[in-house]
PDB file of N, CA and C in Angstrom:
ATOM      1  N   UNK A   1     129.085 134.804  54.790  1.00  0.00           N
ATOM      2  CA  UNK A   1     129.285 135.498  54.169  1.00  0.00           C
ATOM      3  C   UNK A   1     128.840 137.245  54.258  1.00  0.00           C
ATOM      4  N   UNK A   2     127.533 136.903  54.731  1.00  0.00           N
ATOM      5  CA  UNK A   2     126.857 138.750  54.259  1.00  0.00           C
ATOM      6  C   UNK A   2     127.525 139.362  54.384  1.00  0.00           C
ATOM      7  N   UNK A   3     127.659 139.288  55.822  1.00  0.00           N
ATOM      8  CA  UNK A   3     128.878 139.898  56.389  1.00  0.00           C
ATOM      9  C   UNK A   3     130.024 140.609  55.997  1.00  0.00           C
ATOM     10  N   UNK A   4     130.605 139.349  55.358  1.00  0.00           N
ATOM     11  CA  UNK A   4     131.991 139.810  55.142  1.00  0.00           C
ATOM     12  C   UNK A   4     132.586 140.981  54.035  1.00  0.00           C
ATOM     13  N   UNK A   5     132.062 141.735  54.123  1.00  0.00           N
ATOM     14  CA  UNK A   5     132.042 142.422  52.440  1.00  0.00           C
ATOM     15  C   UNK A   5     132.012 144.543  53.760  1.00  0.00           C
ATOM     16  N   UNK A   6     130.471 143.689  54.433  1.00  0.00           N
ATOM     17  CA  UNK A   6     130.406 144.900  55.348  1.00  0.00           C
ATOM     18  C   UNK A   6     130.874 146.361  55.673  1.00  0.00           C
ATOM     19  N   UNK A   7     132.664 146.316  57.248  1.00  0.00           N
ATOM     20  CA  UNK A   7     132.944 146.843  56.996  1.00  0.00           C
ATOM     21  C   UNK A   7     133.997 147.066  56.139  1.00  0.00           C
ATOM     22  N   UNK A   8     134.085 147.142  54.917  1.00  0.00           N
ATOM     23  CA  UNK A   8     135.485 147.004  53.586  1.00  0.00           C
ATOM     24  C   UNK A   8     135.348 147.876  53.197  1.00  0.00           C
ATOM     25  N   UNK A   9     136.225 148.287  52.878  1.00  0.00           N
ATOM     26  CA  UNK A   9     136.641 149.460  51.764  1.00  0.00           C
ATOM     27  C   UNK A   9     137.273 148.744  50.659  1.00  0.00           C
ATOM     28  N   UNK A  10     135.826 148.336  49.114  1.00  0.00           N
ATOM     29  CA  UNK A  10     136.785 147.443  47.929  1.00  0.00           C
ATOM     30  C   UNK A  10     136.321 148.312  46.943  1.00  0.00           C
ATOM     31  N   UNK A  11     137.659 148.617  46.252  1.00  0.00           N
ATOM     32  CA  UNK A  11     138.080 148.813  45.413  1.00  0.00           C
ATOM     33  C   UNK A  11     137.645 148.861  43.513  1.00  0.00           C
ATOM     34  N   UNK A  12     136.657 148.579  43.383  1.00  0.00           N
ATOM     35  CA  UNK A  12     137.315 147.984  42.477  1.00  0.00           C
ATOM     36  C   UNK A  12     137.115 148.785  40.620  1.00  0.00           C
ATOM     37  N   UNK A  13     137.945 148.489  39.688  1.00  0.00           N
ATOM     38  CA  UNK A  13     138.946 149.061  39.191  1.00  0.00           C
ATOM     39  C   UNK A  13     138.635 148.162  37.713  1.00  0.00           C
ATOM     40  N   UNK A  14     137.507 149.609  37.093  1.00  0.00           N
ATOM     41  CA  UNK A  14     137.062 149.640  35.680  1.00  0.00           C
ATOM     42  C   UNK A  14     135.114 149.032  36.157  1.00  0.00           C
ATOM     43  N   UNK A  15     134.494 149.627  37.810  1.00  0.00           N
ATOM     44  CA  UNK A  15     133.092 149.214  38.498  1.00  0.00           C
ATOM     45  C   UNK A  15     132.104 149.963  37.228  1.00  0.00           C
ATOM     46  N   UNK A  16     133.029 150.885  37.253  1.00  0.00           N
ATOM     47  CA  UNK A  16     131.566 151.902  36.242  1.00  0.00           C
ATOM     48  C   UNK A  16     131.068 150.696  34.912  1.00  0.00           C
ATOM     49  N   UNK A  17     132.433 149.236  33.986  1.00  0.00           N
ATOM     50  CA  UNK A  17     132.598 149.402  32.653  1.00  0.00           C
ATOM     51  C   UNK A  17     131.109 148.149  32.731  1.00  0.00           C
ATOM     52  N   UNK A  18     130.659 146.743  32.053  1.00  0.00           N
ATOM     53  CA  UNK A  18     129.720 146.379  31.661  1.00  0.00           C
ATOM     54  C   UNK A  18     130.369 144.976  32.968  1.00  0.00           C
ATOM     55  N   UNK A  19     130.965 144.416  33.370  1.00  0.00           N
ATOM     56  CA  UNK A  19     130.837 143.590  34.582  1.00  0.00           C
ATOM     57  C   UNK A  19     131.806 144.412  35.565  1.00  0.00           C
ATOM     58  N   UNK A  20     132.463 145.719  35.634  1.00  0.00           N
ATOM     59  CA  UNK A  20     132.170 145.540  36.964  1.00  0.00           C
ATOM     60  C   UNK A  20     130.183 147.024  37.478  1.00  0.00           C
ATOM     61  N   UNK A  21     130.042 146.780  36.981  1.00  0.00           N
ATOM     62  CA  UNK A  21     128.469 146.849  37.089  1.00  0.00           C
ATOM     63  C   UNK A  21     127.592 145.956  37.984  1.00  0.00           C
ATOM     64  N   UNK A  22     128.204 144.695  37.422  1.00  0.00           N
ATOM     65  CA  UNK A  22     127.523 143.426  37.852  1.00  0.00           C
ATOM     66  C   UNK A  22     128.398 142.629  39.507  1.00  0.00           C
ATOM     67  N   UNK A  23     129.147 143.501  39.080  1.00  0.00           N
ATOM     68  CA  UNK A  23     130.869 143.169  40.511  1.00  0.00           C
ATOM     69  C   UNK A  23     129.800 143.701  41.407  1.00  0.00           C
ATOM     70  N   UNK A  24     129.714 145.450  41.271  1.00  0.00           N
ATOM     71  CA  UNK A  24     129.137 145.994  42.060  1.00  0.00           C
ATOM     72  C   UNK A  24     128.996 146.368  42.841  1.00  0.00           C
ATOM     73  N   UNK A  25     126.882 145.551  42.438  1.00  0.00           N
ATOM     74  CA  UNK A  25     126.151 145.534  42.460  1.00  0.00           C
ATOM     75  C   UNK A  25     126.009 144.464  43.493  1.00  0.00           C
ATOM     76  N   UNK A  26     126.765 143.069  43.049  1.00  0.00           N
ATOM     77  CA  UNK A  26     126.772 142.230  43.969  1.00  0.00           C
ATOM     78  C   UNK A  26     127.540 142.603  44.812  1.00  0.00           C
ATOM     79  N   UNK A  27     128.567 143.161  45.063  1.00  0.00           N
ATOM     80  CA  UNK A  27     128.511 143.712  46.668  1.00  0.00           C
ATOM     81  C   UNK A  27     127.772 144.286  47.179  1.00  0.00           C
ATOM     82  N   UNK A  28     127.276 145.223  46.583  1.00  0.00           N
ATOM     83  CA  UNK A  28     126.541 145.387  47.496  1.00  0.00           C
ATOM     84  C   UNK A  28     125.167 144.520  48.367  1.00  0.00           C
ATOM     85  N   UNK A  29     124.802 143.764  47.566  1.00  0.00           N
ATOM     86  CA  UNK A  29     123.990 142.281  48.252  1.00  0.00           C
ATOM     87  C   UNK A  29     124.424 141.927  49.033  1.00  0.00           C
ATOM     88  N   UNK A  30     126.386 142.257  49.115  1.00  0.00           N
ATOM     89  CA  UNK A  30     126.050 141.581  49.977  1.00  0.00           C
ATOM     90  C   UNK A  30     127.073 142.145  51.312  1.00  0.00           C
ATOM     91  N   UNK A  31     126.193 143.295  52.237  1.00  0.00           N
ATOM     92  CA  UNK A  31     125.717 144.059  52.747  1.00  0.00           C
ATOM     93  C   UNK A  31     128.019 144.894  52.530  1.00  0.00           C
ATOM     94  N   UNK A  32     128.019 145.402  51.545  1.00  0.00           N
ATOM     95  CA  UNK A  32     129.080 146.099  51.319  1.00  0.00           C
ATOM     96  C   UNK A  32     129.190 147.603  51.493  1.00  0.00           C
ATOM     97  N   UNK A  33     128.969 148.323  52.162  1.00  0.00           N
ATOM     98  CA  UNK A  33     128.985 149.739  52.061  1.00  0.00           C
ATOM     99  C   UNK A  33     129.316 151.458  51.575  1.00  0.00           C
ATOM    100  N   UNK A  34     130.644 150.365  51.707  1.00  0.00           N
ATOM    101  CA  UNK A  34     132.380 151.654  50.620  1.00  0.00           C
ATOM    102  C   UNK A  34     132.602 150.347  49.563  1.00  0.00           C
ATOM    103  N   UNK A  35     132.215 151.035  48.085  1.00  0.00           N
ATOM    104  CA  UNK A  35     132.423 150.529  47.178  1.00  0.00           C
ATOM    105  C   UNK A  35     132.941 151.740  46.796  1.00  0.00           C
ATOM    106  N   UNK A  36     133.937 151.448  45.892  1.00  0.00           N
ATOM    107  CA  UNK A  36     134.817 152.508  44.951  1.00  0.00           C
ATOM    108  C   UNK A  36     135.320 152.645  44.481  1.00  0.00           C
ATOM    109  N   UNK A  37     135.091 153.584  42.463  1.00  0.00           N
ATOM    110  CA  UNK A  37     135.163 153.190  42.035  1.00  0.00           C
ATOM    111  C   UNK A  37     135.970 154.147  41.341  1.00  0.00           C
ATOM    112  N   UNK A  38     136.953 153.809  41.307  1.00  0.00           N
ATOM    113  CA  UNK A  38     138.128 154.560  40.224  1.00  0.00           C
ATOM    114  C   UNK A  38     138.119 155.163  38.967  1.00  0.00           C
ATOM    115  N   UNK A  39     138.543 156.896  39.042  1.00  0.00           N
ATOM    116  CA  UNK A  39     137.629 156.581  37.862  1.00  0.00           C
ATOM    117  C   UNK A  39     139.452 157.815  37.055  1.00  0.00           C
ATOM    118  N   UNK A  40     138.978 157.257  35.729  1.00  0.00           N
ATOM    119  CA  UNK A  40     140.028 156.484  34.718  1.00  0.00           C
ATOM    120  C   UNK A  40     140.160 158.218  34.541  1.00  0.00           C
ATOM    121  N   UNK A  41     139.621 159.514  34.313  1.00  0.00           N
ATOM    122  CA  UNK A  41     140.721 161.253  34.485  1.00  0.00           C
ATOM    123  C   UNK A  41     141.307 161.233  36.236  1.00  0.00           C
ATOM    124  N   UNK A  42     141.185 160.616  37.299  1.00  0.00           N
ATOM    125  CA  UNK A  42     141.454 160.724  38.280  1.00  0.00           C
ATOM    126  C   UNK A  42     142.808 159.775  38.176  1.00  0.00           C
ATOM    127  N   UNK A  43     143.114 159.281  38.166  1.00  0.00           N
ATOM    128  CA  UNK A  43     144.026 157.348  38.265  1.00  0.00           C
ATOM    129  C   UNK A  43     144.552 156.988  36.794  1.00  0.00           C
ATOM    130  N   UNK A  44     145.947 157.156  35.495  1.00  0.00           N
ATOM    131  CA  UNK A  44     146.389 156.623  35.165  1.00  0.00           C
ATOM    132  C   UNK A  44     146.287 155.411  35.601  1.00  0.00           C
ATOM    133  N   UNK A  45     146.046 153.654  35.890  1.00  0.00           N
ATOM    134  CA  UNK A  45     146.701 152.701  35.786  1.00  0.00           C
ATOM    135  C   UNK A  45     147.470 151.930  35.596  1.00  0.00           C
ATOM    136  N   UNK A  46     148.390 152.210  35.038  1.00  0.00           N
ATOM    137  CA  UNK A  46     149.646 151.938  34.115  1.00  0.00           C
ATOM    138  C   UNK A  46     150.325 152.723  34.208  1.00  0.00           C
ATOM    139  N   UNK A  47     150.379 153.628  35.118  1.00  0.00           N
ATOM    140  CA  UNK A  47     151.087 154.804  36.136  1.00  0.00           C
ATOM    141  C   UNK A  47     151.689 153.857  37.192  1.00  0.00           C
ATOM    142  N   UNK A  48     153.087 153.458  37.947  1.00  0.00           N
ATOM    143  CA  UNK A  48     152.877 153.677  38.811  1.00  0.00           C
ATOM    144  C   UNK A  48     152.967 154.121  40.097  1.00  0.00           C
ATOM    145  N   UNK A  49     152.917 155.363  39.861  1.00  0.00           N
ATOM    146  CA  UNK A  49     152.782 156.743  41.304  1.00  0.00           C
ATOM    147  C   UNK A  49     151.332 157.073  40.932  1.00  0.00           C
ATOM    148  N   UNK A  50     150.513 157.347  40.092  1.00  0.00           N
ATOM    149  CA  UNK A  50     149.148 157.148  40.158  1.00  0.00           C
ATOM    150  C   UNK A  50     148.530 155.846  41.092  1.00  0.00           C
ATOM    151  N   UNK A  51     148.879 154.565  40.814  1.00  0.00           N
ATOM    152  CA  UNK A  51     148.584 153.912  41.358  1.00  0.00           C
ATOM    153  C   UNK A  51     148.569 154.345  42.865  1.00  0.00           C
ATOM    154  N   UNK A  52     149.975 154.323  43.206  1.00  0.00           N
ATOM    155  CA  UNK A  52     150.637 154.706  44.609  1.00  0.00           C
ATOM    156  C   UNK A  52     149.295 155.993  44.926  1.00  0.00           C
ATOM    157  N   UNK A  53     149.403 156.514  44.704  1.00  0.00           N
ATOM    158  CA  UNK A  53     148.202 157.656  44.673  1.00  0.00           C
ATOM    159  C   UNK A  53     147.430 157.111  44.922  1.00  0.00           C
ATOM    160  N   UNK A  54     146.045 156.203  44.148  1.00  0.00           N
ATOM    161  CA  UNK A  54     145.070 155.614  44.247  1.00  0.00           C
ATOM    162  C   UNK A  54     145.067 155.157  45.765  1.00  0.00           C
ATOM    163  N   UNK A  55     145.126 154.256  45.767  1.00  0.00           N
ATOM    164  CA  UNK A  55     145.688 153.232  47.095  1.00  0.00           C
ATOM    165  C   UNK A  55     145.968 154.309  48.180  1.00  0.00           C
ATOM    166  N   UNK A  56     147.145 155.660  48.737  1.00  0.00           N
ATOM    167  CA  UNK A  56     146.819 156.888  49.608  1.00  0.00           C
ATOM    168  C   UNK A  56     145.550 156.694  49.338  1.00  0.00           C
ATOM    169  N   UNK A  57     144.885 157.437  48.408  1.00  0.00           N
ATOM    170  CA  UNK A  57     143.527 158.673  48.432  1.00  0.00           C
ATOM    171  C   UNK A  57     142.598 157.799  48.558  1.00  0.00           C
ATOM    172  N   UNK A  58     142.400 156.173  48.758  1.00  0.00           N
ATOM    173  CA  UNK A  58     141.447 155.648  49.430  1.00  0.00           C
ATOM    174  C   UNK A  58     141.348 154.384  49.313  1.00  0.00           C
ATOM    175  N   UNK A  59     142.372 153.179  50.422  1.00  0.00           N
ATOM    176  CA  UNK A  59     142.787 152.909  50.880  1.00  0.00           C
ATOM    177  C   UNK A  59     142.363 152.044  51.468  1.00  0.00           C
ATOM    178  N   UNK A  60     141.669 150.874  50.440  1.00  0.00           N
ATOM    179  CA  UNK A  60     140.944 150.009  50.666  1.00  0.00           C
ATOM    180  C   UNK A  60     141.677 149.002  50.939  1.00  0.00           C
ATOM    181  N   UNK A  61     140.231 148.160  51.198  1.00  0.00           N
ATOM    182  CA  UNK A  61     140.496 146.730  52.299  1.00  0.00           C
ATOM    183  C   UNK A  61     141.381 145.642  51.541  1.00  0.00           C
ATOM    184  N   UNK A  62     140.278 145.762  49.908  1.00  0.00           N
ATOM    185  CA  UNK A  62     140.599 144.024  49.194  1.00  0.00           C
ATOM    186  C   UNK A  62     139.868 145.775  47.691  1.00  0.00           C
ATOM    187  N   UNK A  63     140.762 145.283  47.027  1.00  0.00           N
ATOM    188  CA  UNK A  63     140.667 145.481  45.625  1.00  0.00           C
ATOM    189  C   UNK A  63     140.172 144.741  44.732  1.00  0.00           C
ATOM    190  N   UNK A  64     140.090 144.861  43.645  1.00  0.00           N
ATOM    191  CA  UNK A  64     139.305 143.477  42.508  1.00  0.00           C
ATOM    192  C   UNK A  64     139.668 145.062  40.815  1.00  0.00           C
ATOM    193  N   UNK A  65     140.174 144.363  40.133  1.00  0.00           N
ATOM    194  CA  UNK A  65     141.030 144.784  39.035  1.00  0.00           C
ATOM    195  C   UNK A  65     140.113 143.768  37.962  1.00  0.00           C
ATOM    196  N   UNK A  66     139.964 144.991  37.588  1.00  0.00           N
ATOM    197  CA  UNK A  66     138.602 144.841  36.994  1.00  0.00           C
ATOM    198  C   UNK A  66     139.008 145.292  34.704  1.00  0.00           C
ATOM    199  N   UNK A  67     139.258 146.270  35.203  1.00  0.00           N
ATOM    200  CA  UNK A  67     139.574 147.060  34.152  1.00  0.00           C
ATOM    201  C   UNK A  67     140.163 147.054  32.850  1.00  0.00           C
ATOM    202  N   UNK A  68     140.501 147.109  32.220  1.00  0.00           N
ATOM    203  CA  UNK A  68     141.508 147.117  30.602  1.00  0.00           C
ATOM    204  C   UNK A  68     142.024 147.646  30.609  1.00  0.00           C
TER     205      UNK A  68
END
């Protein structure tokens, strides 16, 4: 399982929060090198246009949604 995340771009919404920090650390331990945490100032995740822009900007393979 360690190699699964190695070449993937993983977006973790809420990645700077309490739970998100544990998830991002776990991803790092599993070899993930491309962990992206969108900033609330840059993307309003209740606005569909910002969500589409986030996908366009970050081009994730995996999204883990933890934002409140």
